[in-house]
Amino acid sequence: MNTALNLKGLLPAQVKSTAEYVSYQDGAVVSREILKRPTGTVTLFAFAEGEGLSEHTAPFDALVQVLEGHAEITISGQAHQVRGGEMILLPAGQPHALKAITRFKMLLTMIRSA
């Protein structure tokens, strides 16, 4: 399997600054898929201040690592303040939403498992 075909701009054994791999855009949420496999995905996001993702559910656990900035992440109605250098697990099947308190970047790792 040619690993480079499954990556989005990141070559094997290439060192990159994680936070610099996705850029902010005013009034927008920007995403960049870094790795996609049948077992899961890794995606970088950059949220402009005040932007977010409305409440939704996912069939698999997802790990959010906030790289910089400040986000409010609501899971099953409970709000959590998450800042750069912190992480939170979004459990499978539980509704969650994200809102940028300040602009922020995050790395989302979704693992597809039963």
PDB file of N, CA and C in Angstrom:
ATOM      1  N   MET A   1       0.839  -1.189   0.000  1.00  0.00           N
ATOM      2  CA  MET A   1       0.000   0.000   0.000  1.00  0.00           C
ATOM      3  C   MET A   1       0.880   1.246   0.000  1.00  0.00           C
ATOM      4  N   ASN A   2       0.608   2.161  -0.871  1.00  0.00           N
ATOM      5  CA  ASN A   2       1.370   3.401  -0.935  1.00  0.00           C
ATOM      6  C   ASN A   2       0.782   4.392   0.060  1.00  0.00           C
ATOM      7  N   THR A   3       1.453   4.574   1.180  1.00  0.00           N
ATOM      8  CA  THR A   3       0.967   5.430   2.252  1.00  0.00           C
ATOM      9  C   THR A   3       0.736   6.852   1.777  1.00  0.00           C
ATOM     10  N   ALA A   4       1.564   7.370   0.914  1.00  0.00           N
ATOM     11  CA  ALA A   4       1.452   8.760   0.467  1.00  0.00           C
ATOM     12  C   ALA A   4       0.110   9.034  -0.212  1.00  0.00           C
ATOM     13  N   LEU A   5      -0.501   8.031  -0.813  1.00  0.00           N
ATOM     14  CA  LEU A   5      -1.790   8.228  -1.478  1.00  0.00           C
ATOM     15  C   LEU A   5      -2.913   8.473  -0.487  1.00  0.00           C
ATOM     16  N   ASN A   6      -2.762   8.048   0.773  1.00  0.00           N
ATOM     17  CA  ASN A   6      -3.811   8.196   1.768  1.00  0.00           C
ATOM     18  C   ASN A   6      -3.627   9.423   2.642  1.00  0.00           C
ATOM     19  N   LEU A   7      -2.598  10.174   2.431  1.00  0.00           N
ATOM     20  CA  LEU A   7      -2.339  11.371   3.211  1.00  0.00           C
ATOM     21  C   LEU A   7      -2.648  12.594   2.370  1.00  0.00           C
ATOM     22  N   LYS A   8      -3.012  13.672   3.029  1.00  0.00           N
ATOM     23  CA  LYS A   8      -3.364  14.903   2.338  1.00  0.00           C
ATOM     24  C   LYS A   8      -2.240  15.913   2.496  1.00  0.00           C
ATOM     25  N   GLY A   9      -1.196  15.790   1.681  1.00  0.00           N
ATOM     26  CA  GLY A   9      -0.125  16.758   1.693  1.00  0.00           C
ATOM     27  C   GLY A   9       0.994  16.486   2.679  1.00  0.00           C
ATOM     28  N   LEU A  10       0.869  15.485   3.516  1.00  0.00           N
ATOM     29  CA  LEU A  10       1.911  15.139   4.471  1.00  0.00           C
ATOM     30  C   LEU A  10       2.549  13.838   4.016  1.00  0.00           C
ATOM     31  N   LEU A  11       3.826  13.904   3.717  1.00  0.00           N
ATOM     32  CA  LEU A  11       4.535  12.724   3.236  1.00  0.00           C
ATOM     33  C   LEU A  11       5.061  11.899   4.400  1.00  0.00           C
ATOM     34  N   PRO A  12       5.246  10.604   4.213  1.00  0.00           N
ATOM     35  CA  PRO A  12       5.809   9.773   5.284  1.00  0.00           C
ATOM     36  C   PRO A  12       7.152  10.323   5.761  1.00  0.00           C
ATOM     37  N   ALA A  13       7.362  10.287   7.052  1.00  0.00           N
ATOM     38  CA  ALA A  13       8.603  10.729   7.705  1.00  0.00           C
ATOM     39  C   ALA A  13       8.874  12.216   7.506  1.00  0.00           C
ATOM     40  N   GLN A  14       7.835  12.997   7.216  1.00  0.00           N
ATOM     41  CA  GLN A  14       7.962  14.446   7.055  1.00  0.00           C
ATOM     42  C   GLN A  14       7.568  15.119   8.366  1.00  0.00           C
ATOM     43  N   VAL A  15       8.376  16.051   8.834  1.00  0.00           N
ATOM     44  CA  VAL A  15       8.082  16.795  10.058  1.00  0.00           C
ATOM     45  C   VAL A  15       7.384  18.093   9.682  1.00  0.00           C
ATOM     46  N   LYS A  16       6.238  18.357  10.301  1.00  0.00           N
ATOM     47  CA  LYS A  16       5.475  19.585  10.058  1.00  0.00           C
ATOM     48  C   LYS A  16       4.994  20.132  11.397  1.00  0.00           C
ATOM     49  N   SER A  17       4.834  21.445  11.474  1.00  0.00           N
ATOM     50  CA  SER A  17       4.225  22.080  12.640  1.00  0.00           C
ATOM     51  C   SER A  17       2.720  21.848  12.564  1.00  0.00           C
ATOM     52  N   THR A  18       2.159  21.185  13.558  1.00  0.00           N
ATOM     53  CA  THR A  18       0.742  20.821  13.523  1.00  0.00           C
ATOM     54  C   THR A  18      -0.156  22.035  13.365  1.00  0.00           C
ATOM     55  N   ALA A  19      -0.002  23.046  14.210  1.00  0.00           N
ATOM     56  CA  ALA A  19      -0.892  24.203  14.183  1.00  0.00           C
ATOM     57  C   ALA A  19      -0.766  25.010  12.889  1.00  0.00           C
ATOM     58  N   GLU A  20       0.391  24.972  12.251  1.00  0.00           N
ATOM     59  CA  GLU A  20       0.590  25.724  11.013  1.00  0.00           C
ATOM     60  C   GLU A  20       0.093  24.986   9.773  1.00  0.00           C
ATOM     61  N   TYR A  21      -0.396  23.783   9.937  1.00  0.00           N
ATOM     62  CA  TYR A  21      -0.834  22.969   8.812  1.00  0.00           C
ATOM     63  C   TYR A  21      -2.254  23.320   8.349  1.00  0.00           C
ATOM     64  N   VAL A  22      -2.939  24.162   9.133  1.00  0.00           N
ATOM     65  CA  VAL A  22      -4.265  24.651   8.765  1.00  0.00           C
ATOM     66  C   VAL A  22      -4.324  26.127   9.165  1.00  0.00           C
ATOM     67  N   SER A  23      -4.967  26.951   8.327  1.00  0.00           N
ATOM     68  CA  SER A  23      -4.994  28.400   8.555  1.00  0.00           C
ATOM     69  C   SER A  23      -6.387  28.891   8.920  1.00  0.00           C
ATOM     70  N   TYR A  24      -6.438  29.958   9.710  1.00  0.00           N
ATOM     71  CA  TYR A  24      -7.702  30.600  10.046  1.00  0.00           C
ATOM     72  C   TYR A  24      -8.238  31.366   8.842  1.00  0.00           C
ATOM     73  N   GLN A  25      -9.568  31.427   8.741  1.00  0.00           N
ATOM     74  CA  GLN A  25     -10.245  32.286   7.776  1.00  0.00           C
ATOM     75  C   GLN A  25     -11.369  32.986   8.525  1.00  0.00           C
ATOM     76  N   ASP A  26     -11.458  34.292   8.392  1.00  0.00           N
ATOM     77  CA  ASP A  26     -12.507  35.057   9.077  1.00  0.00           C
ATOM     78  C   ASP A  26     -13.881  34.484   8.760  1.00  0.00           C
ATOM     79  N   GLY A  27     -14.684  34.303   9.817  1.00  0.00           N
ATOM     80  CA  GLY A  27     -16.060  33.852   9.648  1.00  0.00           C
ATOM     81  C   GLY A  27     -16.229  32.430   9.169  1.00  0.00           C
ATOM     82  N   ALA A  28     -15.207  31.597   9.351  1.00  0.00           N
ATOM     83  CA  ALA A  28     -15.283  30.244   8.789  1.00  0.00           C
ATOM     84  C   ALA A  28     -14.668  29.194   9.712  1.00  0.00           C
ATOM     85  N   VAL A  29     -15.029  27.962   9.423  1.00  0.00           N
ATOM     86  CA  VAL A  29     -14.383  26.791  10.005  1.00  0.00           C
ATOM     87  C   VAL A  29     -13.635  26.116   8.858  1.00  0.00           C
ATOM     88  N   VAL A  30     -12.340  25.960   9.016  1.00  0.00           N
ATOM     89  CA  VAL A  30     -11.505  25.347   7.983  1.00  0.00           C
ATOM     90  C   VAL A  30     -11.061  23.984   8.484  1.00  0.00           C
ATOM     91  N   SER A  31     -11.146  22.980   7.625  1.00  0.00           N
ATOM     92  CA  SER A  31     -10.676  21.645   8.022  1.00  0.00           C
ATOM     93  C   SER A  31      -9.719  21.100   6.974  1.00  0.00           C
ATOM     94  N   ARG A  32      -8.814  20.273   7.441  1.00  0.00           N
ATOM     95  CA  ARG A  32      -7.848  19.632   6.544  1.00  0.00           C
ATOM     96  C   ARG A  32      -7.616  18.208   7.035  1.00  0.00           C
ATOM     97  N   GLU A  33      -8.071  17.252   6.227  1.00  0.00           N
ATOM     98  CA  GLU A  33      -7.884  15.844   6.573  1.00  0.00           C
ATOM     99  C   GLU A  33      -6.411  15.490   6.377  1.00  0.00           C
ATOM    100  N   ILE A  34      -5.806  14.956   7.418  1.00  0.00           N
ATOM    101  CA  ILE A  34      -4.388  14.621   7.401  1.00  0.00           C
ATOM    102  C   ILE A  34      -4.176  13.148   7.082  1.00  0.00           C
ATOM    103  N   LEU A  35      -5.042  12.319   7.643  1.00  0.00           N
ATOM    104  CA  LEU A  35      -4.884  10.878   7.477  1.00  0.00           C
ATOM    105  C   LEU A  35      -6.259  10.235   7.418  1.00  0.00           C
ATOM    106  N   LYS A  36      -6.435   9.329   6.474  1.00  0.00           N
ATOM    107  CA  LYS A  36      -7.703   8.613   6.343  1.00  0.00           C
ATOM    108  C   LYS A  36      -7.412   7.138   6.132  1.00  0.00           C
ATOM    109  N   ARG A  37      -7.961   6.347   7.016  1.00  0.00           N
ATOM    110  CA  ARG A  37      -7.810   4.896   6.946  1.00  0.00           C
ATOM    111  C   ARG A  37      -9.185   4.269   7.224  1.00  0.00           C
ATOM    112  N   PRO A  38      -9.373   3.008   6.865  1.00  0.00           N
ATOM    113  CA  PRO A  38     -10.636   2.341   7.207  1.00  0.00           C
ATOM    114  C   PRO A  38     -10.886   2.323   8.724  1.00  0.00           C
ATOM    115  N   THR A  39      -9.842   2.379   9.514  1.00  0.00           N
ATOM    116  CA  THR A  39      -9.969   2.333  10.972  1.00  0.00           C
ATOM    117  C   THR A  39     -10.129   3.692  11.627  1.00  0.00           C
ATOM    118  N   GLY A  40      -9.990   4.781  10.860  1.00  0.00           N
ATOM    119  CA  GLY A  40     -10.181   6.096  11.457  1.00  0.00           C
ATOM    120  C   GLY A  40      -9.577   7.213  10.633  1.00  0.00           C
ATOM    121  N   THR A  41      -9.765   8.441  11.152  1.00  0.00           N
ATOM    122  CA  THR A  41      -9.263   9.628  10.474  1.00  0.00           C
ATOM    123  C   THR A  41      -8.614  10.577  11.475  1.00  0.00           C
ATOM    124  N   VAL A  42      -7.734  11.428  10.954  1.00  0.00           N
ATOM    125  CA  VAL A  42      -7.127  12.513  11.716  1.00  0.00           C
ATOM    126  C   VAL A  42      -7.346  13.780  10.893  1.00  0.00           C
ATOM    127  N   THR A  43      -7.991  14.776  11.518  1.00  0.00           N
ATOM    128  CA  THR A  43      -8.343  15.996  10.811  1.00  0.00           C
ATOM    129  C   THR A  43      -7.973  17.211  11.658  1.00  0.00           C
ATOM    130  N   LEU A  44      -7.372  18.203  11.022  1.00  0.00           N
ATOM    131  CA  LEU A  44      -7.081  19.478  11.677  1.00  0.00           C
ATOM    132  C   LEU A  44      -8.200  20.459  11.367  1.00  0.00           C
ATOM    133  N   PHE A  45      -8.558  21.274  12.353  1.00  0.00           N
ATOM    134  CA  PHE A  45      -9.582  22.299  12.183  1.00  0.00           C
ATOM    135  C   PHE A  45      -9.045  23.632  12.669  1.00  0.00           C
ATOM    136  N   ALA A  46      -9.466  24.720  12.023  1.00  0.00           N
ATOM    137  CA  ALA A  46      -9.222  26.083  12.490  1.00  0.00           C
ATOM    138  C   ALA A  46     -10.568  26.792  12.514  1.00  0.00           C
ATOM    139  N   PHE A  47     -10.988  27.260  13.691  1.00  0.00           N
ATOM    140  CA  PHE A  47     -12.268  27.930  13.879  1.00  0.00           C
ATOM    141  C   PHE A  47     -12.036  29.417  14.100  1.00  0.00           C
ATOM    142  N   ALA A  48     -12.696  30.248  13.329  1.00  0.00           N
ATOM    143  CA  ALA A  48     -12.684  31.685  13.599  1.00  0.00           C
ATOM    144  C   ALA A  48     -13.493  31.931  14.874  1.00  0.00           C
ATOM    145  N   GLU A  49     -13.173  33.024  15.580  1.00  0.00           N
ATOM    146  CA  GLU A  49     -13.895  33.351  16.810  1.00  0.00           C
ATOM    147  C   GLU A  49     -15.392  33.417  16.547  1.00  0.00           C
ATOM    148  N   GLY A  50     -16.172  32.763  17.418  1.00  0.00           N
ATOM    149  CA  GLY A  50     -17.623  32.756  17.302  1.00  0.00           C
ATOM    150  C   GLY A  50     -18.184  31.670  16.407  1.00  0.00           C
ATOM    151  N   GLU A  51     -17.342  31.020  15.619  1.00  0.00           N
ATOM    152  CA  GLU A  51     -17.801  29.943  14.741  1.00  0.00           C
ATOM    153  C   GLU A  51     -17.888  28.632  15.518  1.00  0.00           C
ATOM    154  N   GLY A  52     -18.550  27.639  14.945  1.00  0.00           N
ATOM    155  CA  GLY A  52     -18.661  26.364  15.630  1.00  0.00           C
ATOM    156  C   GLY A  52     -19.279  25.295  14.766  1.00  0.00           C
ATOM    157  N   LEU A  53     -19.552  24.185  15.393  1.00  0.00           N
ATOM    158  CA  LEU A  53     -20.257  23.074  14.764  1.00  0.00           C
ATOM    159  C   LEU A  53     -21.503  22.815  15.593  1.00  0.00           C
ATOM    160  N   SER A  54     -22.648  22.753  14.944  1.00  0.00           N
ATOM    161  CA  SER A  54     -23.902  22.541  15.655  1.00  0.00           C
ATOM    162  C   SER A  54     -23.952  21.129  16.238  1.00  0.00           C
ATOM    163  N   GLU A  55     -24.880  20.943  17.145  1.00  0.00           N
ATOM    164  CA  GLU A  55     -24.972  19.650  17.836  1.00  0.00           C
ATOM    165  C   GLU A  55     -25.200  18.519  16.846  1.00  0.00           C
ATOM    166  N   HIS A  56     -24.435  17.458  17.028  1.00  0.00           N
ATOM    167  CA  HIS A  56     -24.543  16.272  16.186  1.00  0.00           C
ATOM    168  C   HIS A  56     -24.017  15.077  16.981  1.00  0.00           C
ATOM    169  N   THR A  57     -24.175  13.891  16.453  1.00  0.00           N
ATOM    170  CA  THR A  57     -23.614  12.693  17.071  1.00  0.00           C
ATOM    171  C   THR A  57     -22.725  11.995  16.055  1.00  0.00           C
ATOM    172  N   ALA A  58     -21.862  11.149  16.572  1.00  0.00           N
ATOM    173  CA  ALA A  58     -20.992  10.327  15.718  1.00  0.00           C
ATOM    174  C   ALA A  58     -21.059   8.895  16.239  1.00  0.00           C
ATOM    175  N   PRO A  59     -20.952   7.937  15.353  1.00  0.00           N
ATOM    176  CA  PRO A  59     -21.067   6.539  15.786  1.00  0.00           C
ATOM    177  C   PRO A  59     -19.805   6.006  16.477  1.00  0.00           C
ATOM    178  N   PHE A  60     -18.736   6.810  16.502  1.00  0.00           N
ATOM    179  CA  PHE A  60     -17.468   6.364  17.073  1.00  0.00           C
ATOM    180  C   PHE A  60     -16.911   7.407  18.028  1.00  0.00           C
ATOM    181  N   ASP A  61     -16.073   6.966  18.963  1.00  0.00           N
ATOM    182  CA  ASP A  61     -15.383   7.903  19.840  1.00  0.00           C
ATOM    183  C   ASP A  61     -14.494   8.824  19.012  1.00  0.00           C
ATOM    184  N   ALA A  62     -14.323  10.055  19.501  1.00  0.00           N
ATOM    185  CA  ALA A  62     -13.426  11.011  18.853  1.00  0.00           C
ATOM    186  C   ALA A  62     -12.654  11.752  19.936  1.00  0.00           C
ATOM    187  N   LEU A  63     -11.361  11.920  19.712  1.00  0.00           N
ATOM    188  CA  LEU A  63     -10.509  12.646  20.636  1.00  0.00           C
ATOM    189  C   LEU A  63     -10.227  14.023  20.050  1.00  0.00           C
ATOM    190  N   VAL A  64     -10.550  15.073  20.813  1.00  0.00           N
ATOM    191  CA  VAL A  64     -10.274  16.448  20.409  1.00  0.00           C
ATOM    192  C   VAL A  64      -9.078  16.933  21.216  1.00  0.00           C
ATOM    193  N   GLN A  65      -8.044  17.392  20.516  1.00  0.00           N
ATOM    194  CA  GLN A  65      -6.874  18.004  21.138  1.00  0.00           C
ATOM    195  C   GLN A  65      -6.847  19.457  20.674  1.00  0.00           C
ATOM    196  N   VAL A  66      -7.053  20.387  21.610  1.00  0.00           N
ATOM    197  CA  VAL A  66      -7.011  21.802  21.265  1.00  0.00           C
ATOM    198  C   VAL A  66      -5.545  22.221  21.230  1.00  0.00           C
ATOM    199  N   LEU A  67      -5.124  22.731  20.095  1.00  0.00           N
ATOM    200  CA  LEU A  67      -3.733  23.112  19.887  1.00  0.00           C
ATOM    201  C   LEU A  67      -3.461  24.532  20.365  1.00  0.00           C
ATOM    202  N   GLU A  68      -4.429  25.427  20.115  1.00  0.00           N
ATOM    203  CA  GLU A  68      -4.308  26.822  20.540  1.00  0.00           C
ATOM    204  C   GLU A  68      -5.691  27.420  20.616  1.00  0.00           C
ATOM    205  N   GLY A  69      -5.826  28.441  21.452  1.00  0.00           N
ATOM    206  CA  GLY A  69      -7.104  29.118  21.583  1.00  0.00           C
ATOM    207  C   GLY A  69      -7.981  28.506  22.655  1.00  0.00           C
ATOM    208  N   HIS A  70      -9.296  28.815  22.586  1.00  0.00           N
ATOM    209  CA  HIS A  70     -10.250  28.451  23.632  1.00  0.00           C
ATOM    210  C   HIS A  70     -11.567  28.076  22.981  1.00  0.00           C
ATOM    211  N   ALA A  71     -12.076  26.903  23.334  1.00  0.00           N
ATOM    212  CA  ALA A  71     -13.340  26.420  22.790  1.00  0.00           C
ATOM    213  C   ALA A  71     -14.273  25.992  23.912  1.00  0.00           C
ATOM    214  N   GLU A  72     -15.562  26.109  23.625  1.00  0.00           N
ATOM    215  CA  GLU A  72     -16.557  25.496  24.500  1.00  0.00           C
ATOM    216  C   GLU A  72     -17.077  24.277  23.768  1.00  0.00           C
ATOM    217  N   ILE A  73     -16.920  23.125  24.389  1.00  0.00           N
ATOM    218  CA  ILE A  73     -17.362  21.869  23.789  1.00  0.00           C
ATOM    219  C   ILE A  73     -18.441  21.297  24.688  1.00  0.00           C
ATOM    220  N   THR A  74     -19.629  21.153  24.124  1.00  0.00           N
ATOM    221  CA  THR A  74     -20.778  20.662  24.885  1.00  0.00           C
ATOM    222  C   THR A  74     -21.006  19.206  24.528  1.00  0.00           C
ATOM    223  N   ILE A  75     -21.091  18.369  25.554  1.00  0.00           N
ATOM    224  CA  ILE A  75     -21.340  16.936  25.374  1.00  0.00           C
ATOM    225  C   ILE A  75     -22.571  16.577  26.203  1.00  0.00           C
ATOM    226  N   SER A  76     -23.601  16.073  25.546  1.00  0.00           N
ATOM    227  CA  SER A  76     -24.854  15.697  26.215  1.00  0.00           C
ATOM    228  C   SER A  76     -25.358  16.810  27.132  1.00  0.00           C
ATOM    229  N   GLY A  77     -25.298  18.056  26.634  1.00  0.00           N
ATOM    230  CA  GLY A  77     -25.825  19.188  27.368  1.00  0.00           C
ATOM    231  C   GLY A  77     -24.897  19.810  28.396  1.00  0.00           C
ATOM    232  N   GLN A  78     -23.748  19.201  28.651  1.00  0.00           N
ATOM    233  CA  GLN A  78     -22.793  19.746  29.630  1.00  0.00           C
ATOM    234  C   GLN A  78     -21.655  20.453  28.903  1.00  0.00           C
ATOM    235  N   ALA A  79     -21.474  21.753  29.218  1.00  0.00           N
ATOM    236  CA  ALA A  79     -20.435  22.564  28.573  1.00  0.00           C
ATOM    237  C   ALA A  79     -19.089  22.358  29.257  1.00  0.00           C
ATOM    238  N   HIS A  80     -18.044  22.261  28.436  1.00  0.00           N
ATOM    239  CA  HIS A  80     -16.666  22.110  28.913  1.00  0.00           C
ATOM    240  C   HIS A  80     -15.816  23.186  28.252  1.00  0.00           C
ATOM    241  N   GLN A  81     -14.997  23.862  29.043  1.00  0.00           N
ATOM    242  CA  GLN A  81     -14.064  24.863  28.528  1.00  0.00           C
ATOM    243  C   GLN A  81     -12.740  24.149  28.252  1.00  0.00           C
ATOM    244  N   VAL A  82     -12.297  24.179  27.017  1.00  0.00           N
ATOM    245  CA  VAL A  82     -11.077  23.469  26.622  1.00  0.00           C
ATOM    246  C   VAL A  82     -10.144  24.481  25.949  1.00  0.00           C
ATOM    247  N   ARG A  83      -8.898  24.498  26.411  1.00  0.00           N
ATOM    248  CA  ARG A  83      -7.920  25.478  25.914  1.00  0.00           C
ATOM    249  C   ARG A  83      -6.710  24.764  25.307  1.00  0.00           C
ATOM    250  N   GLY A  84      -5.886  25.565  24.633  1.00  0.00           N
ATOM    251  CA  GLY A  84      -4.677  25.037  24.010  1.00  0.00           C
ATOM    252  C   GLY A  84      -3.893  24.154  24.965  1.00  0.00           C
ATOM    253  N   GLY A  85      -3.496  22.992  24.490  1.00  0.00           N
ATOM    254  CA  GLY A  85      -2.748  22.037  25.302  1.00  0.00           C
ATOM    255  C   GLY A  85      -3.635  21.051  26.046  1.00  0.00           C
ATOM    256  N   GLU A  86      -4.957  21.204  25.929  1.00  0.00           N
ATOM    257  CA  GLU A  86      -5.886  20.296  26.614  1.00  0.00           C
ATOM    258  C   GLU A  86      -6.618  19.435  25.590  1.00  0.00           C
ATOM    259  N   MET A  87      -7.224  18.343  26.083  1.00  0.00           N
ATOM    260  CA  MET A  87      -7.963  17.446  25.205  1.00  0.00           C
ATOM    261  C   MET A  87      -9.219  16.959  25.908  1.00  0.00           C
ATOM    262  N   ILE A  88     -10.156  16.457  25.117  1.00  0.00           N
ATOM    263  CA  ILE A  88     -11.407  15.922  25.641  1.00  0.00           C
ATOM    264  C   ILE A  88     -11.888  14.808  24.711  1.00  0.00           C
ATOM    265  N   LEU A  89     -12.497  13.786  25.287  1.00  0.00           N
ATOM    266  CA  LEU A  89     -13.030  12.672  24.511  1.00  0.00           C
ATOM    267  C   LEU A  89     -14.512  12.909  24.234  1.00  0.00           C
ATOM    268  N   LEU A  90     -14.897  12.797  22.980  1.00  0.00           N
ATOM    269  CA  LEU A  90     -16.299  12.867  22.586  1.00  0.00           C
ATOM    270  C   LEU A  90     -16.795  11.427  22.455  1.00  0.00           C
ATOM    271  N   PRO A  91     -17.607  10.969  23.395  1.00  0.00           N
ATOM    272  CA  PRO A  91     -18.045   9.567  23.362  1.00  0.00           C
ATOM    273  C   PRO A  91     -19.000   9.271  22.207  1.00  0.00           C
ATOM    274  N   ALA A  92     -18.879   8.088  21.668  1.00  0.00           N
ATOM    275  CA  ALA A  92     -19.750   7.637  20.576  1.00  0.00           C
ATOM    276  C   ALA A  92     -21.212   7.735  20.999  1.00  0.00           C
ATOM    277  N   GLY A  93     -22.042   8.197  20.065  1.00  0.00           N
ATOM    278  CA  GLY A  93     -23.478   8.216  20.285  1.00  0.00           C
ATOM    279  C   GLY A  93     -23.999   9.331  21.167  1.00  0.00           C
ATOM    280  N   GLN A  94     -23.136  10.152  21.758  1.00  0.00           N
ATOM    281  CA  GLN A  94     -23.581  11.254  22.609  1.00  0.00           C
ATOM    282  C   GLN A  94     -23.539  12.557  21.817  1.00  0.00           C
ATOM    283  N   PRO A  95     -24.612  13.354  21.887  1.00  0.00           N
ATOM    284  CA  PRO A  95     -24.624  14.604  21.124  1.00  0.00           C
ATOM    285  C   PRO A  95     -23.556  15.567  21.622  1.00  0.00           C
ATOM    286  N   HIS A  96     -22.917  16.245  20.689  1.00  0.00           N
ATOM    287  CA  HIS A  96     -21.882  17.209  21.046  1.00  0.00           C
ATOM    288  C   HIS A  96     -21.890  18.364  20.051  1.00  0.00           C
ATOM    289  N   ALA A  97     -21.373  19.512  20.521  1.00  0.00           N
ATOM    290  CA  ALA A  97     -21.283  20.722  19.701  1.00  0.00           C
ATOM    291  C   ALA A  97     -20.023  21.458  20.115  1.00  0.00           C
ATOM    292  N   LEU A  98     -19.501  22.297  19.216  1.00  0.00           N
ATOM    293  CA  LEU A  98     -18.285  23.064  19.490  1.00  0.00           C
ATOM    294  C   LEU A  98     -18.524  24.522  19.143  1.00  0.00           C
ATOM    295  N   LYS A  99     -17.953  25.416  19.958  1.00  0.00           N
ATOM    296  CA  LYS A  99     -18.028  26.846  19.676  1.00  0.00           C
ATOM    297  C   LYS A  99     -16.695  27.484  20.029  1.00  0.00           C
ATOM    298  N   ALA A 100     -16.202  28.344  19.151  1.00  0.00           N
ATOM    299  CA  ALA A 100     -14.941  29.049  19.373  1.00  0.00           C
ATOM    300  C   ALA A 100     -15.183  30.256  20.266  1.00  0.00           C
ATOM    301  N   ILE A 101     -14.682  30.224  21.494  1.00  0.00           N
ATOM    302  CA  ILE A 101     -14.739  31.371  22.391  1.00  0.00           C
ATOM    303  C   ILE A 101     -13.736  32.412  21.894  1.00  0.00           C
ATOM    304  N   THR A 102     -12.531  31.950  21.579  1.00  0.00           N
ATOM    305  CA  THR A 102     -11.561  32.715  20.802  1.00  0.00           C
ATOM    306  C   THR A 102     -11.288  31.850  19.582  1.00  0.00           C
ATOM    307  N   ARG A 103     -10.603  32.373  18.606  1.00  0.00           N
ATOM    308  CA  ARG A 103     -10.268  31.480  17.496  1.00  0.00           C
ATOM    309  C   ARG A 103      -9.423  30.346  18.074  1.00  0.00           C
ATOM    310  N   PHE A 104      -9.624  29.154  17.522  1.00  0.00           N
ATOM    311  CA  PHE A 104      -8.866  28.017  18.037  1.00  0.00           C
ATOM    312  C   PHE A 104      -8.620  26.993  16.945  1.00  0.00           C
ATOM    313  N   LYS A 105      -7.592  26.191  17.186  1.00  0.00           N
ATOM    314  CA  LYS A 105      -7.271  25.081  16.296  1.00  0.00           C
ATOM    315  C   LYS A 105      -7.328  23.795  17.104  1.00  0.00           C
ATOM    316  N   MET A 106      -7.790  22.748  16.438  1.00  0.00           N
ATOM    317  CA  MET A 106      -7.870  21.455  17.105  1.00  0.00           C
ATOM    318  C   MET A 106      -7.499  20.337  16.142  1.00  0.00           C
ATOM    319  N   LEU A 107      -7.055  19.251  16.730  1.00  0.00           N
ATOM    320  CA  LEU A 107      -6.771  18.022  16.009  1.00  0.00           C
ATOM    321  C   LEU A 107      -7.822  17.014  16.451  1.00  0.00           C
ATOM    322  N   LEU A 108      -8.577  16.480  15.501  1.00  0.00           N
ATOM    323  CA  LEU A 108      -9.630  15.506  15.787  1.00  0.00           C
ATOM    324  C   LEU A 108      -9.182  14.137  15.299  1.00  0.00           C
ATOM    325  N   THR A 109      -9.147  13.186  16.215  1.00  0.00           N
ATOM    326  CA  THR A 109      -8.812  11.806  15.871  1.00  0.00           C
ATOM    327  C   THR A 109     -10.038  10.954  16.114  1.00  0.00           C
ATOM    328  N   MET A 110     -10.570  10.370  15.040  1.00  0.00           N
ATOM    329  CA  MET A 110     -11.732   9.497  15.161  1.00  0.00           C
ATOM    330  C   MET A 110     -11.299   8.069  14.918  1.00  0.00           C
ATOM    331  N   ILE A 111     -11.629   7.221  15.861  1.00  0.00           N
ATOM    332  CA  ILE A 111     -11.294   5.803  15.754  1.00  0.00           C
ATOM    333  C   ILE A 111     -12.586   5.044  15.474  1.00  0.00           C
ATOM    334  N   ARG A 112     -12.594   4.298  14.402  1.00  0.00           N
ATOM    335  CA  ARG A 112     -13.773   3.506  14.052  1.00  0.00           C
ATOM    336  C   ARG A 112     -13.618   2.121  14.658  1.00  0.00           C
ATOM    337  N   SER A 113     -14.458   1.839  15.657  1.00  0.00           N
ATOM    338  CA  SER A 113     -14.425   0.523  16.306  1.00  0.00           C
ATOM    339  C   SER A 113     -15.793   0.235  16.878  1.00  0.00           C
ATOM    340  N   ALA A 114     -16.001  -1.010  17.228  1.00  0.00           N
ATOM    341  CA  ALA A 114     -17.293  -1.414  17.799  1.00  0.00           C
ATOM    342  C   ALA A 114     -17.367  -1.103  19.271  1.00  0.00           C
TER     343      ALA A 114
END
